[in-house]
Amino acid sequence: MLSLTVSKRLALKGRAHALNPTVIIGNAGLTEAVLKEIALTLERHELVKIRVPGGDRAARETMLNTICTRLDAAAVQHIGKIMVIYKPNPEAHLIEIKKMPRHRGKKPLTKKQLGSRN
C-alpha cells in the first residue's frame, strides 16, 4: 500500500474536492469487475472518488483497505460513503503534487482554495 505525507495528502484532498464520484460500488459489493474498473480509472485519472453503499462503517473501512492493498494505491480521504484514492501513473503524470502554496506569505491555502486553482 502506498503511503503519503501530510502535505501531499492535503494537496490531493484539495484537488479531489471538486471531483464527482467516478466509480460507484453497487449492492454486490467489491467484486473483481469493480476492482478492475477502479484500476482502469486510477490508471487514467490518478485520483479517483468512489461512492460506497451501506451503513456499516467498519465494512467500508475494510473495503477501502482492500482496494488500496490490492491496487497498491493510497487512501487520501474517507468521509461517510465517499472514498478518495490516489495512485501515481509515471506515464500519464497528470497530477503534480507541489509544496503547499502560501497565501500572501502568511497561512497555507485551504483545501477549498487549492481545489479552485485547477
Protein backbone atom coordinates (compact mmCIF):
# COMPACT_ATOMS: atom_id res chain seq x y z
CA MET A 1 0.00 0.00 0.00
CA LEU A 2 1.31 3.42 -0.97
CA SER A 3 1.80 6.00 1.79
CA LEU A 4 1.53 9.78 1.53
CA THR A 5 2.96 12.61 3.55
CA VAL A 6 0.60 15.03 5.24
CA SER A 7 1.33 17.84 2.78
CA LYS A 8 0.75 15.56 -0.23
CA ARG A 9 -2.49 14.29 1.30
CA LEU A 10 -3.72 17.85 1.88
CA ALA A 11 -2.89 18.84 -1.71
CA LEU A 12 -4.74 15.79 -3.04
CA LYS A 13 -7.76 16.49 -0.80
CA GLY A 14 -7.92 19.96 -2.29
CA ARG A 15 -7.86 18.57 -5.83
CA ALA A 16 -10.46 15.91 -5.00
CA HIS A 17 -12.89 18.40 -3.51
CA ALA A 18 -14.33 19.35 -6.91
CA LEU A 19 -14.45 15.78 -8.29
CA ASN A 20 -17.63 13.78 -8.71
CA PRO A 21 -17.61 10.06 -7.82
CA THR A 22 -16.17 8.21 -10.82
CA VAL A 23 -16.81 4.67 -9.57
CA ILE A 24 -19.96 3.66 -7.71
CA ILE A 25 -19.90 0.31 -5.94
CA GLY A 26 -23.29 -1.43 -6.08
CA ASN A 27 -25.12 -3.83 -3.80
CA ALA A 28 -22.94 -6.76 -4.93
CA GLY A 29 -20.03 -5.14 -3.12
CA LEU A 30 -16.39 -5.22 -4.07
CA THR A 31 -16.14 -7.75 -6.90
CA GLU A 32 -13.28 -8.46 -9.30
CA ALA A 33 -15.06 -6.46 -12.01
CA VAL A 34 -15.30 -3.43 -9.71
CA LEU A 35 -11.62 -3.73 -8.77
CA LYS A 36 -10.71 -3.92 -12.45
CA GLU A 37 -12.78 -0.79 -13.17
CA ILE A 38 -11.15 1.08 -10.27
CA ALA A 39 -7.71 0.05 -11.55
CA LEU A 40 -8.52 1.31 -15.07
CA THR A 41 -9.87 4.59 -13.71
CA LEU A 42 -6.81 5.06 -11.49
CA GLU A 43 -4.58 4.46 -14.49
CA ARG A 44 -6.35 7.18 -16.48
CA HIS A 45 -7.02 9.79 -13.78
CA GLU A 46 -4.61 9.02 -10.90
CA LEU A 47 -7.10 10.49 -8.38
CA VAL A 48 -10.46 8.74 -8.03
CA LYS A 49 -13.52 9.41 -5.92
CA ILE A 50 -15.58 6.29 -5.08
CA ARG A 51 -19.10 6.06 -3.65
CA VAL A 52 -19.85 3.02 -1.47
CA PRO A 53 -23.32 1.89 -0.35
CA GLY A 54 -24.21 0.60 3.10
CA GLY A 55 -24.42 1.92 6.59
CA ASP A 56 -21.67 -0.15 8.22
CA ARG A 57 -18.56 2.00 8.68
CA ALA A 58 -16.34 -0.97 9.53
CA ALA A 59 -17.28 -2.67 6.25
CA ARG A 60 -16.43 0.50 4.31
CA GLU A 61 -13.07 0.73 6.10
CA THR A 62 -12.18 -2.86 5.20
CA MET A 63 -13.30 -2.21 1.61
CA LEU A 64 -11.01 0.83 1.44
CA ASN A 65 -8.08 -1.14 2.85
CA THR A 66 -8.74 -3.99 0.41
CA ILE A 67 -8.81 -1.64 -2.57
CA CYS A 68 -5.61 0.12 -1.50
CA THR A 69 -3.66 -3.08 -0.85
CA ARG A 70 -4.82 -4.92 -3.98
CA LEU A 71 -4.17 -1.97 -6.31
CA ASP A 72 -1.12 -0.56 -4.47
CA ALA A 73 -2.83 2.82 -4.05
CA ALA A 74 -3.01 5.36 -1.24
CA ALA A 75 -6.13 6.28 0.67
CA VAL A 76 -6.44 10.06 0.60
CA GLN A 77 -9.76 10.56 2.34
CA HIS A 78 -12.74 8.62 3.68
CA ILE A 79 -15.78 10.64 4.69
CA GLY A 80 -19.06 8.81 5.06
CA LYS A 81 -19.81 6.86 1.90
CA ILE A 82 -17.19 8.67 -0.20
CA MET A 83 -13.59 7.47 -0.54
CA VAL A 84 -10.77 9.17 -2.41
CA ILE A 85 -7.87 7.06 -3.69
CA TYR A 86 -4.62 8.09 -5.38
CA LYS A 87 -2.14 6.08 -7.42
CA PRO A 88 0.56 7.89 -9.41
CA ASN A 89 1.00 6.90 -13.04
CA PRO A 90 4.50 7.81 -14.24
CA GLU A 91 3.50 7.53 -17.90
CA ALA A 92 0.50 9.85 -17.68
CA HIS A 93 1.76 12.09 -14.84
CA LEU A 94 -1.46 14.09 -14.74
CA ILE A 95 -1.23 15.30 -11.16
CA GLU A 96 1.80 17.21 -9.99
CA ILE A 97 1.95 17.49 -6.23
CA LYS A 98 3.58 20.71 -5.22
CA LYS A 99 4.52 22.10 -1.87
CA MET A 100 1.60 23.82 -0.15
CA PRO A 101 1.41 27.37 -1.54
CA ARG A 102 1.11 30.22 0.90
CA HIS A 103 -1.46 32.96 0.69
CA ARG A 104 0.16 36.41 0.83
CA GLY A 105 3.09 34.99 2.75
CA LYS A 106 1.02 34.17 5.84
CA LYS A 107 -1.02 30.97 6.03
CA PRO A 108 -1.22 27.96 3.72
CA LEU A 109 -4.20 27.91 1.40
CA THR A 110 -7.23 25.88 2.46
CA LYS A 111 -8.33 22.72 0.66
CA LYS A 112 -11.17 24.62 -0.98
CA GLN A 113 -8.83 27.34 -2.25
CA LEU A 114 -6.42 24.70 -3.59
CA GLY A 115 -9.26 22.91 -5.41
CA SER A 116 -10.35 26.10 -7.17
CA ARG A 117 -6.83 26.70 -8.53
CA ASN A 118 -7.08 23.83 -11.06
